[in-house]
Amino acid sequence: MIQANLARLNLPYPEAVFEINFFRENPEPFYTLARELLPGRFRPTLTHSFVKLLSDHGLLQMCFTQNIDTLERMAGVPPQRIIEAHGSFANQHCIDCGAEFDRNTLVKHIKSGTIAHCEKCNGLVKPDIIFFGEALPKEFHKSIPLLHSADLLIVMGTSLTVHPFAALSKMVPEGCPRVLVNLDEVGDFGTRSDDVICLGKTDDIARELCKELGWEDELDAAWKETEESVVDFNSDEPVATKDLSAEDEVKAITDLISKTLHIDDVPQDASEGHRDENNEKPSSSIQVQVNHTESTKPKATYIIGGLDPKGEDAKEEDTKAEGNKDTVSVEDDKKVTDQKL
């Protein structure tokens, strides 16, 4: 549906819908598209609930997300623990004077197809999604140094091709174990002696980790709490839940934003001096910094992205260990926990 909307908006080019100068001249295309992106259309995944558990157990220091869908918030991750690098629908402001705007009022405008204007200066109002021509949130840049002190990095469900997130996985210090939970091997994973690679579906592996941690019942309970997160936009009432199989459409928009923003203004190490311009399908990603409160527990950075609960494109072949890479299949749950997790 989103792709069909883009086609019928008569845009000069698809990226224009997320360009601030185009929005100033013609806000209608974005408002039309925004109806398909409003939070409440999709349910968080089991993996989002796993991130919530990290917070519940006092292990979550910060969650960095590239997504705009607020699914982390819907799963119960505290807002103060989330950095939305590309912004989100969580807040909304006037693009001229910066005044805050009531969320419910903006949602009504988006649903009705009318354009919201600032009550103070009559400027245009939009959700705090970062458009091309706008700076990334200051909170994002301020939080990057947290990676330098991490001693565990977990990367889940991402192609690691879209910056700044592709660079963040290299910002943890040498000696910091990095764990990749993904359908495919990505980035430079396997080049460090402490790298661990677990190939499989993120939800499956998240459940296996919770089993080993004794959290499985908590995980199921946390995900059950998201059952009423999907609403009927015509009545604003909860509807029968649906999984995130339609997340592909939201992911397509996130990828479009990433492509439009051409984000490269984040510190990178010497080996990350350029973006991969040849990859046509960059993936969205979420990053979570985990900080154990007890001195006997390690700090960690946790990254998630491109979540697909059904795993429709998951590979079925066995995973293979190669060189200094520890590759673990989700079925081999004992090996998962035997690594430095």
C-alpha atoms as a PDB file:
ATOM      1  CA  MET A   1       0.000   0.000   0.000  1.00  0.00           C
ATOM      2  CA  ILE A   2       2.809   2.412   0.849  1.00  0.00           C
ATOM      3  CA  GLN A   3       4.567   1.801  -2.440  1.00  0.00           C
ATOM      4  CA  ALA A   4       1.261   2.338  -4.260  1.00  0.00           C
ATOM      5  CA  ASN A   5       0.776   5.628  -2.399  1.00  0.00           C
ATOM      6  CA  LEU A   6       4.228   6.812  -3.409  1.00  0.00           C
ATOM      7  CA  ALA A   7       3.383   6.065  -7.024  1.00  0.00           C
ATOM      8  CA  ARG A   8       0.147   8.064  -6.992  1.00  0.00           C
ATOM      9  CA  LEU A   9       1.500  11.109  -5.150  1.00  0.00           C
ATOM     10  CA  ASN A  10       2.939  12.530  -8.367  1.00  0.00           C
ATOM     11  CA  LEU A  11       6.280  13.237  -6.722  1.00  0.00           C
ATOM     12  CA  PRO A  12       9.145  14.571  -8.847  1.00  0.00           C
ATOM     13  CA  TYR A  13      11.150  11.672  -7.335  1.00  0.00           C
ATOM     14  CA  PRO A  14      10.296   9.310  -4.423  1.00  0.00           C
ATOM     15  CA  GLU A  15      12.735  10.887  -1.957  1.00  0.00           C
ATOM     16  CA  ALA A  16      10.991  14.260  -2.276  1.00  0.00           C
ATOM     17  CA  VAL A  17       8.330  13.169   0.216  1.00  0.00           C
ATOM     18  CA  PHE A  18      11.006  13.338   2.936  1.00  0.00           C
ATOM     19  CA  GLU A  19      12.714  16.562   1.869  1.00  0.00           C
ATOM     20  CA  ILE A  20      12.030  19.554   4.081  1.00  0.00           C
ATOM     21  CA  ASN A  21      12.050  22.121   1.259  1.00  0.00           C
ATOM     22  CA  PHE A  22       9.560  20.068  -0.753  1.00  0.00           C
ATOM     23  CA  PHE A  23       7.403  19.695   2.370  1.00  0.00           C
ATOM     24  CA  ARG A  24       7.323  23.477   2.793  1.00  0.00           C
ATOM     25  CA  GLU A  25       6.003  23.865  -0.733  1.00  0.00           C
ATOM     26  CA  ASN A  26       3.697  20.865  -0.773  1.00  0.00           C
ATOM     27  CA  PRO A  27       2.995  19.060   2.534  1.00  0.00           C
ATOM     28  CA  GLU A  28       0.103  16.994   1.158  1.00  0.00           C
ATOM     29  CA  PRO A  29       2.171  14.034  -0.127  1.00  0.00           C
ATOM     30  CA  PHE A  30       3.776  13.484   3.256  1.00  0.00           C
ATOM     31  CA  TYR A  31       0.455  13.777   5.098  1.00  0.00           C
ATOM     32  CA  THR A  32      -1.019  11.216   2.684  1.00  0.00           C
ATOM     33  CA  LEU A  33       1.851   8.829   3.259  1.00  0.00           C
ATOM     34  CA  ALA A  34       1.903   9.486   7.012  1.00  0.00           C
ATOM     35  CA  ARG A  35      -1.493   7.849   7.405  1.00  0.00           C
ATOM     36  CA  GLU A  36       0.104   4.548   6.392  1.00  0.00           C
ATOM     37  CA  LEU A  37       2.984   5.045   8.821  1.00  0.00           C
ATOM     38  CA  LEU A  38       1.118   6.089  11.966  1.00  0.00           C
ATOM     39  CA  PRO A  39       1.930   3.963  15.020  1.00  0.00           C
ATOM     40  CA  GLY A  40      -0.800   1.453  15.770  1.00  0.00           C
ATOM     41  CA  ARG A  41      -0.832  -0.370  12.456  1.00  0.00           C
ATOM     42  CA  PHE A  42       1.756  -2.939  13.480  1.00  0.00           C
ATOM     43  CA  ARG A  43       2.501  -4.987  16.562  1.00  0.00           C
ATOM     44  CA  PRO A  44       5.995  -5.073  18.118  1.00  0.00           C
ATOM     45  CA  THR A  45       7.887  -8.317  17.654  1.00  0.00           C
ATOM     46  CA  LEU A  46       9.062 -10.753  20.292  1.00  0.00           C
ATOM     47  CA  THR A  47      12.514  -9.216  19.906  1.00  0.00           C
ATOM     48  CA  HIS A  48      11.174  -5.775  20.846  1.00  0.00           C
ATOM     49  CA  SER A  49       9.802  -7.380  24.000  1.00  0.00           C
ATOM     50  CA  PHE A  50      13.241  -8.850  24.676  1.00  0.00           C
ATOM     51  CA  VAL A  51      14.649  -5.312  24.676  1.00  0.00           C
ATOM     52  CA  LYS A  52      11.965  -4.361  27.191  1.00  0.00           C
ATOM     53  CA  LEU A  53      13.103  -7.205  29.436  1.00  0.00           C
ATOM     54  CA  LEU A  54      16.646  -5.868  29.353  1.00  0.00           C
ATOM     55  CA  SER A  55      15.244  -2.620  30.705  1.00  0.00           C
ATOM     56  CA  ASP A  56      13.042  -4.380  33.250  1.00  0.00           C
ATOM     57  CA  HIS A  57      16.099  -6.167  34.616  1.00  0.00           C
ATOM     58  CA  GLY A  58      18.091  -2.957  34.857  1.00  0.00           C
ATOM     59  CA  LEU A  59      20.423  -3.959  32.040  1.00  0.00           C
ATOM     60  CA  LEU A  60      19.451  -1.398  29.413  1.00  0.00           C
ATOM     61  CA  GLN A  61      21.422   1.815  29.277  1.00  0.00           C
ATOM     62  CA  MET A  62      20.267   3.211  25.940  1.00  0.00           C
ATOM     63  CA  CYS A  63      18.428   2.063  22.827  1.00  0.00           C
ATOM     64  CA  PHE A  64      19.467   3.652  19.542  1.00  0.00           C
ATOM     65  CA  THR A  65      16.940   3.095  16.763  1.00  0.00           C
ATOM     66  CA  GLN A  66      16.948   4.052  13.126  1.00  0.00           C
ATOM     67  CA  ASN A  67      13.261   3.210  12.793  1.00  0.00           C
ATOM     68  CA  ILE A  68      10.469   5.790  12.940  1.00  0.00           C
ATOM     69  CA  ASP A  69       7.644   3.411  13.907  1.00  0.00           C
ATOM     70  CA  THR A  70       7.955   3.765  17.742  1.00  0.00           C
ATOM     71  CA  LEU A  71       7.647  -0.015  18.150  1.00  0.00           C
ATOM     72  CA  GLU A  72      10.236   0.092  20.933  1.00  0.00           C
ATOM     73  CA  ARG A  73       7.986   2.432  22.896  1.00  0.00           C
ATOM     74  CA  MET A  74       4.935   0.304  22.140  1.00  0.00           C
ATOM     75  CA  ALA A  75       6.787  -2.732  23.483  1.00  0.00           C
ATOM     76  CA  GLY A  76       7.337  -0.896  26.763  1.00  0.00           C
ATOM     77  CA  VAL A  77      10.926   0.294  26.456  1.00  0.00           C
ATOM     78  CA  PRO A  78      11.092   3.503  28.538  1.00  0.00           C
ATOM     79  CA  PRO A  79      11.275   6.635  26.339  1.00  0.00           C
ATOM     80  CA  GLN A  80      14.271   7.900  28.316  1.00  0.00           C
ATOM     81  CA  ARG A  81      16.146   4.799  27.191  1.00  0.00           C
ATOM     82  CA  ILE A  82      15.537   5.407  23.480  1.00  0.00           C
ATOM     83  CA  ILE A  83      17.457   7.526  20.973  1.00  0.00           C
ATOM     84  CA  GLU A  84      15.551   7.741  17.669  1.00  0.00           C
ATOM     85  CA  ALA A  85      18.279   8.636  15.197  1.00  0.00           C
ATOM     86  CA  HIS A  86      15.852   9.414  12.386  1.00  0.00           C
ATOM     87  CA  GLY A  87      13.190  10.833  14.665  1.00  0.00           C
ATOM     88  CA  SER A  88       9.749   9.274  14.988  1.00  0.00           C
ATOM     89  CA  PHE A  89       6.044   9.889  15.406  1.00  0.00           C
ATOM     90  CA  ALA A  90       6.515  10.186  19.161  1.00  0.00           C
ATOM     91  CA  ASN A  91       6.674  13.990  19.069  1.00  0.00           C
ATOM     92  CA  GLN A  92       5.682  16.769  16.662  1.00  0.00           C
ATOM     93  CA  HIS A  93       6.655  20.421  16.222  1.00  0.00           C
ATOM     94  CA  CYS A  94       6.185  23.443  13.988  1.00  0.00           C
ATOM     95  CA  ILE A  95       8.951  23.531  11.370  1.00  0.00           C
ATOM     96  CA  ASP A  96       9.197  27.343  11.655  1.00  0.00           C
ATOM     97  CA  CYS A  97       9.031  28.375  15.313  1.00  0.00           C
ATOM     98  CA  GLY A  98       9.645  24.927  16.830  1.00  0.00           C
ATOM     99  CA  ALA A  99       6.567  25.029  19.051  1.00  0.00           C
ATOM    100  CA  GLU A 100       5.264  21.679  20.228  1.00  0.00           C
ATOM    101  CA  PHE A 101       1.972  20.484  18.789  1.00  0.00           C
ATOM    102  CA  ASP A 102      -0.608  18.201  20.363  1.00  0.00           C
ATOM    103  CA  ARG A 103      -0.148  14.665  19.127  1.00  0.00           C
ATOM    104  CA  ASN A 104      -3.825  13.709  19.099  1.00  0.00           C
ATOM    105  CA  THR A 105      -4.649  16.812  17.088  1.00  0.00           C
ATOM    106  CA  LEU A 106      -1.959  15.990  14.532  1.00  0.00           C
ATOM    107  CA  VAL A 107      -3.178  12.408  14.258  1.00  0.00           C
ATOM    108  CA  LYS A 108      -6.678  13.694  13.518  1.00  0.00           C
ATOM    109  CA  HIS A 109      -5.279  15.909  10.763  1.00  0.00           C
ATOM    110  CA  ILE A 110      -3.327  13.031   9.255  1.00  0.00           C
ATOM    111  CA  LYS A 111      -6.325  10.692   9.348  1.00  0.00           C
ATOM    112  CA  SER A 112      -8.611  13.291   7.774  1.00  0.00           C
ATOM    113  CA  GLY A 113      -6.055  14.355   5.179  1.00  0.00           C
ATOM    114  CA  THR A 114      -5.941  17.968   6.352  1.00  0.00           C
ATOM    115  CA  ILE A 115      -2.743  19.932   6.964  1.00  0.00           C
ATOM    116  CA  ALA A 116      -1.913  20.941  10.546  1.00  0.00           C
ATOM    117  CA  HIS A 117      -0.696  24.500  11.214  1.00  0.00           C
ATOM    118  CA  CYS A 118       1.012  25.923  14.257  1.00  0.00           C
ATOM    119  CA  GLU A 119      -1.291  27.714  16.668  1.00  0.00           C
ATOM    120  CA  LYS A 120       1.420  30.300  17.360  1.00  0.00           C
ATOM    121  CA  CYS A 121       2.838  31.235  13.948  1.00  0.00           C
ATOM    122  CA  ASN A 122       0.650  29.311  11.472  1.00  0.00           C
ATOM    123  CA  GLY A 123       3.702  27.399  10.258  1.00  0.00           C
ATOM    124  CA  LEU A 124       3.494  23.837   9.015  1.00  0.00           C
ATOM    125  CA  VAL A 125       3.541  21.014  11.568  1.00  0.00           C
ATOM    126  CA  LYS A 126       5.002  17.554  11.083  1.00  0.00           C
ATOM    127  CA  PRO A 127       6.070  14.612  13.251  1.00  0.00           C
ATOM    128  CA  ASP A 128       9.679  14.762  14.408  1.00  0.00           C
ATOM    129  CA  ILE A 129      10.821  12.476  11.605  1.00  0.00           C
ATOM    130  CA  ILE A 130      14.157  13.738  10.298  1.00  0.00           C
ATOM    131  CA  PHE A 131      13.880  14.994   6.740  1.00  0.00           C
ATOM    132  CA  PHE A 132      16.696  15.673   4.311  1.00  0.00           C
ATOM    133  CA  GLY A 133      17.834  19.171   5.125  1.00  0.00           C
ATOM    134  CA  GLU A 134      17.410  18.661   8.874  1.00  0.00           C
ATOM    135  CA  ALA A 135      20.091  17.701  11.402  1.00  0.00           C
ATOM    136  CA  LEU A 136      20.097  14.442  13.294  1.00  0.00           C
ATOM    137  CA  PRO A 137      18.977  14.766  16.921  1.00  0.00           C
ATOM    138  CA  LYS A 138      21.616  16.172  19.270  1.00  0.00           C
ATOM    139  CA  GLU A 139      20.861  13.322  21.665  1.00  0.00           C
ATOM    140  CA  PHE A 140      22.055  10.851  19.064  1.00  0.00           C
ATOM    141  CA  HIS A 141      25.481  12.460  18.690  1.00  0.00           C
ATOM    142  CA  LYS A 142      25.839  12.885  22.446  1.00  0.00           C
ATOM    143  CA  SER A 143      25.186   9.190  22.998  1.00  0.00           C
ATOM    144  CA  ILE A 144      27.714   7.798  20.505  1.00  0.00           C
ATOM    145  CA  PRO A 145      30.603   7.874  23.056  1.00  0.00           C
ATOM    146  CA  LEU A 146      28.721   5.232  25.068  1.00  0.00           C
ATOM    147  CA  LEU A 147      29.934   2.728  22.494  1.00  0.00           C
ATOM    148  CA  HIS A 148      33.544   3.387  23.419  1.00  0.00           C
ATOM    149  CA  SER A 149      33.023   1.988  26.912  1.00  0.00           C
ATOM    150  CA  ALA A 150      30.905  -1.021  25.940  1.00  0.00           C
ATOM    151  CA  ASP A 151      32.265  -4.487  26.630  1.00  0.00           C
ATOM    152  CA  LEU A 152      29.567  -6.472  24.823  1.00  0.00           C
ATOM    153  CA  LEU A 153      27.977  -5.723  21.455  1.00  0.00           C
ATOM    154  CA  ILE A 154      24.986  -7.631  20.092  1.00  0.00           C
ATOM    155  CA  VAL A 155      23.855  -6.945  16.523  1.00  0.00           C
ATOM    156  CA  MET A 156      20.512  -8.333  15.381  1.00  0.00           C
ATOM    157  CA  GLY A 157      18.689  -8.365  12.068  1.00  0.00           C
ATOM    158  CA  THR A 158      20.512  -5.806   9.928  1.00  0.00           C
ATOM    159  CA  SER A 159      22.509  -5.598   6.717  1.00  0.00           C
ATOM    160  CA  LEU A 160      24.904  -3.089   8.335  1.00  0.00           C
ATOM    161  CA  THR A 161      25.019  -1.033   5.154  1.00  0.00           C
ATOM    162  CA  VAL A 162      23.261   2.191   6.192  1.00  0.00           C
ATOM    163  CA  HIS A 163      25.288   4.771   8.043  1.00  0.00           C
ATOM    164  CA  PRO A 164      25.647   5.797  10.783  1.00  0.00           C
ATOM    165  CA  PHE A 165      24.645   2.384  12.079  1.00  0.00           C
ATOM    166  CA  ALA A 166      27.082   0.497   9.878  1.00  0.00           C
ATOM    167  CA  ALA A 167      29.906   2.417  11.538  1.00  0.00           C
ATOM    168  CA  LEU A 168      28.662   2.065  15.102  1.00  0.00           C
ATOM    169  CA  SER A 169      29.434  -1.651  15.244  1.00  0.00           C
ATOM    170  CA  LYS A 170      33.123  -0.783  14.812  1.00  0.00           C
ATOM    171  CA  MET A 171      33.189   1.833  17.549  1.00  0.00           C
ATOM    172  CA  VAL A 172      33.358  -0.628  20.412  1.00  0.00           C
ATOM    173  CA  PRO A 173      36.891  -1.221  21.691  1.00  0.00           C
ATOM    174  CA  GLU A 174      39.077  -4.146  20.689  1.00  0.00           C
ATOM    175  CA  GLY A 175      38.477  -6.973  23.112  1.00  0.00           C
ATOM    176  CA  CYS A 176      34.768  -6.189  23.302  1.00  0.00           C
ATOM    177  CA  PRO A 177      32.876  -9.351  22.278  1.00  0.00           C
ATOM    178  CA  ARG A 178      30.555  -8.674  19.341  1.00  0.00           C
ATOM    179  CA  VAL A 179      27.600 -11.009  18.782  1.00  0.00           C
ATOM    180  CA  LEU A 180      25.753 -11.053  15.451  1.00  0.00           C
ATOM    181  CA  VAL A 181      22.219 -12.497  15.434  1.00  0.00           C
ATOM    182  CA  ASN A 182      21.102 -12.387  11.823  1.00  0.00           C
ATOM    183  CA  LEU A 183      19.958 -14.346   8.771  1.00  0.00           C
ATOM    184  CA  ASP A 184      23.258 -13.602   7.040  1.00  0.00           C
ATOM    185  CA  GLU A 185      26.804 -12.661   7.948  1.00  0.00           C
ATOM    186  CA  VAL A 186      27.223  -8.892   7.533  1.00  0.00           C
ATOM    187  CA  GLY A 187      29.737  -6.125   8.065  1.00  0.00           C
ATOM    188  CA  ASP A 188      33.166  -7.079   9.349  1.00  0.00           C
ATOM    189  CA  PHE A 189      31.907  -9.705  11.757  1.00  0.00           C
ATOM    190  CA  GLY A 190      34.383 -12.533  11.974  1.00  0.00           C
ATOM    191  CA  THR A 191      37.429 -10.295  11.772  1.00  0.00           C
ATOM    192  CA  ARG A 192      37.850 -10.083  15.552  1.00  0.00           C
ATOM    193  CA  SER A 193      38.773 -13.042  17.714  1.00  0.00           C
ATOM    194  CA  ASP A 194      35.869 -12.372  20.102  1.00  0.00           C
ATOM    195  CA  ASP A 195      33.194 -12.230  17.386  1.00  0.00           C
ATOM    196  CA  VAL A 196      30.272 -14.668  17.739  1.00  0.00           C
ATOM    197  CA  ILE A 197      27.885 -15.278  14.826  1.00  0.00           C
ATOM    198  CA  CYS A 198      24.428 -16.791  15.417  1.00  0.00           C
ATOM    199  CA  LEU A 199      22.547 -17.291  12.161  1.00  0.00           C
ATOM    200  CA  GLY A 200      18.777 -17.590  12.415  1.00  0.00           C
ATOM    201  CA  LYS A 201      15.582 -15.648  13.061  1.00  0.00           C
ATOM    202  CA  THR A 202      15.923 -12.897  15.655  1.00  0.00           C
ATOM    203  CA  ASP A 203      12.763 -13.882  17.511  1.00  0.00           C
ATOM    204  CA  ASP A 204      13.884 -17.508  17.752  1.00  0.00           C
ATOM    205  CA  ILE A 205      17.300 -16.605  19.085  1.00  0.00           C
ATOM    206  CA  ALA A 206      15.854 -14.019  21.473  1.00  0.00           C
ATOM    207  CA  ARG A 207      13.657 -16.771  22.899  1.00  0.00           C
ATOM    208  CA  GLU A 208      16.613 -19.142  23.250  1.00  0.00           C
ATOM    209  CA  LEU A 209      18.552 -16.470  25.113  1.00  0.00           C
ATOM    210  CA  CYS A 210      15.591 -15.895  27.420  1.00  0.00           C
ATOM    211  CA  LYS A 211      15.369 -19.629  28.091  1.00  0.00           C
ATOM    212  CA  GLU A 212      18.981 -19.674  29.202  1.00  0.00           C
ATOM    213  CA  LEU A 213      18.448 -16.556  31.315  1.00  0.00           C
ATOM    214  CA  GLY A 214      15.292 -17.966  32.905  1.00  0.00           C
ATOM    215  CA  TRP A 215      13.222 -15.169  31.342  1.00  0.00           C
ATOM    216  CA  GLU A 216      11.017 -17.122  28.924  1.00  0.00           C
ATOM    217  CA  ASP A 217       7.802 -16.684  30.913  1.00  0.00           C
ATOM    218  CA  GLU A 218       8.572 -12.978  31.290  1.00  0.00           C
ATOM    219  CA  LEU A 219       9.174 -12.742  27.541  1.00  0.00           C
ATOM    220  CA  ASP A 220       5.813 -14.318  26.724  1.00  0.00           C
ATOM    221  CA  ALA A 221       4.074 -12.061  29.245  1.00  0.00           C
ATOM    222  CA  ALA A 222       5.778  -8.954  27.874  1.00  0.00           C
ATOM    223  CA  TRP A 223       4.803  -9.805  24.307  1.00  0.00           C
ATOM    224  CA  LYS A 224       1.232 -10.584  25.353  1.00  0.00           C
ATOM    225  CA  GLU A 225       1.011  -7.034  26.692  1.00  0.00           C
ATOM    226  CA  THR A 226       1.392  -5.793  23.096  1.00  0.00           C
ATOM    227  CA  GLU A 227      -1.731  -7.610  21.873  1.00  0.00           C
ATOM    228  CA  GLU A 228      -3.819  -4.433  21.865  1.00  0.00           C
ATOM    229  CA  SER A 229      -1.155  -2.251  20.271  1.00  0.00           C
ATOM    230  CA  VAL A 230      -2.828  -2.509  16.848  1.00  0.00           C
ATOM    231  CA  VAL A 231      -5.847  -0.227  16.450  1.00  0.00           C
ATOM    232  CA  ASP A 232      -8.615   0.326  13.936  1.00  0.00           C
ATOM    233  CA  PHE A 233      -7.840   3.773  12.545  1.00  0.00           C
ATOM    234  CA  ASN A 234     -11.510   4.347  11.814  1.00  0.00           C
ATOM    235  CA  SER A 235     -12.527   3.864  15.441  1.00  0.00           C
ATOM    236  CA  ASP A 236      -9.249   4.120  17.400  1.00  0.00           C
ATOM    237  CA  GLU A 237     -10.218   0.875  19.128  1.00  0.00           C
ATOM    238  CA  PRO A 238      -7.847  -2.088  19.513  1.00  0.00           C
ATOM    239  CA  VAL A 239      -8.355  -4.781  16.889  1.00  0.00           C
ATOM    240  CA  ALA A 240      -7.329  -8.399  16.633  1.00  0.00           C
ATOM    241  CA  THR A 241      -3.568  -8.348  16.667  1.00  0.00           C
ATOM    242  CA  LYS A 242      -1.502  -8.908  13.591  1.00  0.00           C
ATOM    243  CA  ASP A 243       2.164  -9.654  13.513  1.00  0.00           C
ATOM    244  CA  LEU A 244       4.809  -7.555  11.830  1.00  0.00           C
ATOM    245  CA  SER A 245       4.603  -9.280   8.436  1.00  0.00           C
ATOM    246  CA  ALA A 246       3.564  -5.898   7.046  1.00  0.00           C
ATOM    247  CA  GLU A 247       6.690  -4.393   8.586  1.00  0.00           C
ATOM    248  CA  ASP A 248       8.292  -4.741   5.155  1.00  0.00           C
ATOM    249  CA  GLU A 249       6.327  -1.662   4.111  1.00  0.00           C
ATOM    250  CA  VAL A 250       7.496   0.378   7.096  1.00  0.00           C
ATOM    251  CA  LYS A 251      11.022  -0.889   6.512  1.00  0.00           C
ATOM    252  CA  ALA A 252      10.801   0.292   2.911  1.00  0.00           C
ATOM    253  CA  ILE A 253      10.029   3.798   4.136  1.00  0.00           C
ATOM    254  CA  THR A 254      12.833   3.671   6.692  1.00  0.00           C
ATOM    255  CA  ASP A 255      15.197   2.637   3.924  1.00  0.00           C
ATOM    256  CA  LEU A 256      13.907   5.491   1.782  1.00  0.00           C
ATOM    257  CA  ILE A 257      14.587   7.951   4.597  1.00  0.00           C
ATOM    258  CA  SER A 258      18.085   6.539   5.004  1.00  0.00           C
ATOM    259  CA  LYS A 259      18.741   6.888   1.296  1.00  0.00           C
ATOM    260  CA  THR A 260      17.322  10.403   1.236  1.00  0.00           C
ATOM    261  CA  LEU A 261      19.287  11.629   4.232  1.00  0.00           C
ATOM    262  CA  HIS A 262      22.640  10.291   2.982  1.00  0.00           C
ATOM    263  CA  ILE A 263      23.762  10.297   6.606  1.00  0.00           C
ATOM    264  CA  ASP A 264      27.544  10.325   6.838  1.00  0.00           C
ATOM    265  CA  ASP A 265      28.167  12.964   9.495  1.00  0.00           C
ATOM    266  CA  VAL A 266      28.953  10.496  12.256  1.00  0.00           C
ATOM    267  CA  PRO A 267      32.505   9.685  13.423  1.00  0.00           C
ATOM    268  CA  GLN A 268      33.804   6.544  11.763  1.00  0.00           C
ATOM    269  CA  ASP A 269      36.978   4.590  12.251  1.00  0.00           C
ATOM    270  CA  ALA A 270      39.675   4.579   9.615  1.00  0.00           C
ATOM    271  CA  SER A 271      38.232   1.604   7.794  1.00  0.00           C
ATOM    272  CA  GLU A 272      34.819   3.247   7.489  1.00  0.00           C
ATOM    273  CA  GLY A 273      35.616   6.223   5.331  1.00  0.00           C
ATOM    274  CA  HIS A 274      32.820   5.631   2.851  1.00  0.00           C
ATOM    275  CA  ARG A 275      29.340   4.218   2.496  1.00  0.00           C
ATOM    276  CA  ASP A 276      28.469   1.159   0.459  1.00  0.00           C
ATOM    277  CA  GLU A 277      26.830   2.829  -2.523  1.00  0.00           C
ATOM    278  CA  ASN A 278      26.207  -0.444  -4.353  1.00  0.00           C
ATOM    279  CA  ASN A 279      23.791  -2.021  -1.911  1.00  0.00           C
ATOM    280  CA  GLU A 280      20.267  -1.439  -3.166  1.00  0.00           C
ATOM    281  CA  LYS A 281      18.389  -2.667  -0.106  1.00  0.00           C
ATOM    282  CA  PRO A 282      19.819  -1.130   3.055  1.00  0.00           C
ATOM    283  CA  SER A 283      18.264  -2.424   6.251  1.00  0.00           C
ATOM    284  CA  SER A 284      16.861  -0.584   9.197  1.00  0.00           C
ATOM    285  CA  SER A 285      18.414  -1.223  12.576  1.00  0.00           C
ATOM    286  CA  ILE A 286      17.976  -0.622  16.247  1.00  0.00           C
ATOM    287  CA  GLN A 287      20.840  -0.246  18.667  1.00  0.00           C
ATOM    288  CA  VAL A 288      20.572  -0.786  22.369  1.00  0.00           C
ATOM    289  CA  GLN A 289      23.264  -0.055  24.925  1.00  0.00           C
ATOM    290  CA  VAL A 290      22.999  -2.433  27.868  1.00  0.00           C
ATOM    291  CA  ASN A 291      24.570  -1.595  31.199  1.00  0.00           C
ATOM    292  CA  HIS A 292      24.582  -4.125  34.057  1.00  0.00           C
ATOM    293  CA  THR A 293      24.310  -2.348  37.380  1.00  0.00           C
ATOM    294  CA  GLU A 294      26.511  -4.745  39.318  1.00  0.00           C
ATOM    295  CA  SER A 295      30.266  -4.571  38.943  1.00  0.00           C
ATOM    296  CA  THR A 296      30.373  -8.321  38.289  1.00  0.00           C
ATOM    297  CA  LYS A 297      28.176  -7.944  35.207  1.00  0.00           C
ATOM    298  CA  PRO A 298      29.453  -6.574  31.874  1.00  0.00           C
ATOM    299  CA  LYS A 299      28.201  -3.508  30.076  1.00  0.00           C
ATOM    300  CA  ALA A 300      26.985  -4.177  26.570  1.00  0.00           C
ATOM    301  CA  THR A 301      25.722  -2.574  23.404  1.00  0.00           C
ATOM    302  CA  TYR A 302      22.774  -4.288  21.780  1.00  0.00           C
ATOM    303  CA  ILE A 303      21.732  -3.754  18.145  1.00  0.00           C
ATOM    304  CA  ILE A 304      18.552  -4.955  16.465  1.00  0.00           C
ATOM    305  CA  GLY A 305      17.124  -4.316  13.022  1.00  0.00           C
ATOM    306  CA  GLY A 306      15.091  -5.572  10.082  1.00  0.00           C
ATOM    307  CA  LEU A 307      12.949  -7.688  12.396  1.00  0.00           C
ATOM    308  CA  ASP A 308      10.857 -10.362  10.685  1.00  0.00           C
ATOM    309  CA  PRO A 309       8.883 -12.518  13.141  1.00  0.00           C
ATOM    310  CA  LYS A 310       7.836 -14.983  10.465  1.00  0.00           C
ATOM    311  CA  GLY A 311      11.348 -15.209   9.075  1.00  0.00           C
ATOM    312  CA  GLU A 312       9.960 -15.734   5.589  1.00  0.00           C
ATOM    313  CA  ASP A 313      13.341 -15.194   3.986  1.00  0.00           C
ATOM    314  CA  ALA A 314      15.336 -17.073   6.606  1.00  0.00           C
ATOM    315  CA  LYS A 315      17.950 -19.450   5.281  1.00  0.00           C
ATOM    316  CA  GLU A 316      17.529 -23.141   6.025  1.00  0.00           C
ATOM    317  CA  GLU A 317      21.077 -24.340   5.418  1.00  0.00           C
ATOM    318  CA  ASP A 318      23.318 -25.177   8.327  1.00  0.00           C
ATOM    319  CA  THR A 319      25.693 -22.527   9.605  1.00  0.00           C
ATOM    320  CA  LYS A 320      29.421 -23.109   9.373  1.00  0.00           C
ATOM    321  CA  ALA A 321      32.322 -22.104  11.543  1.00  0.00           C
ATOM    322  CA  GLU A 322      35.164 -20.510   9.641  1.00  0.00           C
ATOM    323  CA  GLY A 323      38.526 -19.154  10.740  1.00  0.00           C
ATOM    324  CA  ASN A 324      38.227 -17.240  14.011  1.00  0.00           C
ATOM    325  CA  LYS A 325      34.441 -16.853  13.672  1.00  0.00           C
ATOM    326  CA  ASP A 326      32.213 -18.580  16.223  1.00  0.00           C
ATOM    327  CA  THR A 327      29.092 -19.384  14.203  1.00  0.00           C
ATOM    328  CA  VAL A 328      26.113 -20.743  16.136  1.00  0.00           C
ATOM    329  CA  SER A 329      22.725 -21.928  14.922  1.00  0.00           C
ATOM    330  CA  VAL A 330      19.666 -21.073  16.981  1.00  0.00           C
ATOM    331  CA  GLU A 331      18.888 -24.748  17.511  1.00  0.00           C
ATOM    332  CA  ASP A 332      22.233 -25.167  19.272  1.00  0.00           C
ATOM    333  CA  ASP A 333      21.106 -23.116  22.248  1.00  0.00           C
ATOM    334  CA  LYS A 334      23.786 -24.469  24.521  1.00  0.00           C
ATOM    335  CA  LYS A 335      26.529 -23.122  22.262  1.00  0.00           C
ATOM    336  CA  VAL A 336      24.867 -19.764  22.170  1.00  0.00           C
ATOM    337  CA  THR A 337      25.207 -19.361  25.900  1.00  0.00           C
ATOM    338  CA  ASP A 338      28.609 -21.015  26.036  1.00  0.00           C
ATOM    339  CA  GLN A 339      30.038 -18.076  24.113  1.00  0.00           C
ATOM    340  CA  LYS A 340      30.821 -14.798  25.864  1.00  0.00           C
ATOM    341  CA  LEU A 341      27.214 -13.697  26.345  1.00  0.00           C
END
